[in-house]
């Protein structure tokens, strides 16, 4: 099982292949935002990698980050936990002014992933 370390939350074992957004919620107990339900439409599920950033990303994530002009962050809804990683949760319900984090993301990445080099 890969380990997920979340700054200020701790280190957690995560089922291999689980979406990072769900691991943040379920295993780490982070109040992670995911306003679009984990469908790579809103960028509210942003995280910063401290260690273990994946070298690949979905084409949808690459395009969405470019569209929004975002650098230095990744979209947790588009990442699978398949190795050890350390992240900073930067997009949380606390302090966001939102009433809820968004609809729960499905277990599979949406849209269907096309993997590309980041």
Protein backbone atom coordinates (compact mmCIF):
# COMPACT_ATOMS: atom_id res chain seq x y z
CA UNK A 1 0.00 0.00 0.00
CA UNK A 2 1.32 3.44 -0.86
CA UNK A 3 1.64 6.00 1.91
CA UNK A 4 0.19 9.47 1.67
CA UNK A 5 1.68 12.15 3.87
CA UNK A 6 -0.40 15.30 4.17
CA UNK A 7 1.31 18.28 5.76
CA UNK A 8 -0.24 19.02 9.19
CA UNK A 9 -2.46 15.91 8.99
CA UNK A 10 -0.09 12.93 9.18
CA UNK A 11 0.87 9.84 7.17
CA UNK A 12 -1.68 7.30 6.00
CA UNK A 13 -1.73 4.01 4.10
CA UNK A 14 -3.88 4.28 1.00
CA UNK A 15 -5.28 1.52 -1.20
CA UNK A 16 -3.19 1.33 -4.38
CA UNK A 17 -4.91 3.05 -7.29
CA UNK A 18 -7.24 5.19 -5.19
CA UNK A 19 -7.86 8.71 -6.45
CA UNK A 20 -5.87 11.24 -4.44
CA UNK A 21 -8.93 13.42 -3.83
CA UNK A 22 -10.69 10.46 -2.18
CA UNK A 23 -7.60 9.46 -0.18
CA UNK A 24 -7.37 13.00 1.17
CA UNK A 25 -11.00 12.82 2.29
CA UNK A 26 -11.25 9.19 3.44
CA UNK A 27 -7.85 8.26 4.81
CA UNK A 28 -6.42 11.66 5.82
CA UNK A 29 -9.66 13.33 6.93
CA UNK A 30 -8.93 16.51 4.96
CA UNK A 31 -11.88 18.81 4.20
CA UNK A 32 -10.70 18.85 0.57
CA UNK A 33 -12.74 20.86 -1.92
CA UNK A 34 -14.02 19.18 -5.08
CA UNK A 35 -16.81 21.47 -6.26
CA UNK A 36 -17.31 19.76 -9.64
CA UNK A 37 -17.39 16.28 -8.13
CA UNK A 38 -13.91 15.36 -9.32
CA UNK A 39 -14.50 15.81 -13.04
CA UNK A 40 -11.60 18.18 -13.85
CA UNK A 41 -13.82 21.19 -14.46
CA UNK A 42 -13.23 23.55 -11.54
CA UNK A 43 -9.66 23.25 -10.10
CA UNK A 44 -10.93 23.46 -6.49
CA UNK A 45 -9.19 20.16 -5.63
CA UNK A 46 -5.70 21.67 -5.97
CA UNK A 47 -2.78 20.35 -3.95
CA UNK A 48 0.92 21.21 -3.83
CA UNK A 49 3.39 18.34 -3.97
CA UNK A 50 6.24 18.31 -1.50
CA UNK A 51 7.58 14.90 -2.56
CA UNK A 52 6.57 12.18 -4.98
CA UNK A 53 4.84 14.25 -7.64
CA UNK A 54 3.75 11.93 -10.45
CA UNK A 55 5.59 12.41 -13.74
CA UNK A 56 2.44 11.75 -15.73
CA UNK A 57 -0.85 13.62 -15.70
CA UNK A 58 -4.12 13.33 -17.51
CA UNK A 59 -4.54 15.36 -20.65
CA UNK A 60 -7.62 16.90 -19.01
CA UNK A 61 -5.55 18.08 -16.02
CA UNK A 62 -2.81 19.50 -18.24
CA UNK A 63 -5.36 21.41 -20.31
CA UNK A 64 -7.32 22.69 -17.30
CA UNK A 65 -4.20 23.94 -15.50
CA UNK A 66 -3.06 25.72 -18.69
CA UNK A 67 -6.53 27.19 -19.25
CA UNK A 68 -6.51 28.66 -15.75
CA UNK A 69 -2.85 29.71 -15.87
CA UNK A 70 -2.02 27.60 -12.82
CA UNK A 71 1.51 26.40 -12.09
CA UNK A 72 3.05 24.62 -9.12
CA UNK A 73 -0.18 22.81 -8.28
CA UNK A 74 -1.89 19.58 -9.32
CA UNK A 75 -5.52 18.50 -9.37
CA UNK A 76 -6.09 15.76 -6.82
CA UNK A 77 -9.09 14.45 -8.76
CA UNK A 78 -6.78 13.48 -11.63
CA UNK A 79 -4.10 11.62 -9.64
CA UNK A 80 -3.94 7.98 -8.57
CA UNK A 81 -2.17 6.92 -5.40
CA UNK A 82 0.21 4.37 -6.88
CA UNK A 83 3.36 5.36 -4.98
CA UNK A 84 4.36 7.24 -1.81
CA UNK A 85 3.66 10.96 -1.94
CA UNK A 86 3.67 14.02 0.31
CA UNK A 87 1.28 16.89 -0.35
CA UNK A 88 0.07 20.15 1.09
CA UNK A 89 -3.73 20.49 1.10
CA UNK A 90 -4.25 24.06 -0.11
CA UNK A 91 -7.87 23.96 -1.25
CA UNK A 92 -10.00 23.19 1.79
CA UNK A 93 -13.58 23.81 2.84
CA UNK A 94 -12.37 25.59 5.98
CA UNK A 95 -12.03 29.26 5.17
CA UNK A 96 -13.47 28.90 1.66
CA UNK A 97 -16.85 30.43 2.40
CA UNK A 98 -18.53 27.45 0.71
CA UNK A 99 -21.29 25.51 2.44
CA UNK A 100 -19.98 22.10 1.34
CA UNK A 101 -16.94 20.67 -0.44
CA UNK A 102 -18.92 19.45 -3.46
CA UNK A 103 -20.46 16.15 -4.56
CA UNK A 104 -18.40 13.07 -3.70
CA UNK A 105 -16.13 12.08 -6.60
CA UNK A 106 -16.61 8.64 -8.14
CA UNK A 107 -13.89 6.01 -7.61
CA UNK A 108 -12.70 6.30 -11.25
CA UNK A 109 -10.99 9.31 -12.82
CA UNK A 110 -13.29 11.39 -15.03
CA UNK A 111 -13.10 12.22 -17.83
CA UNK A 112 -11.58 8.92 -18.97
CA UNK A 113 -7.84 9.53 -18.53
CA UNK A 114 -5.43 9.97 -21.40
CA UNK A 115 -1.98 9.99 -19.73
CA UNK A 116 0.66 12.50 -20.87
CA UNK A 117 4.01 13.77 -19.56
CA UNK A 118 3.56 16.77 -17.26
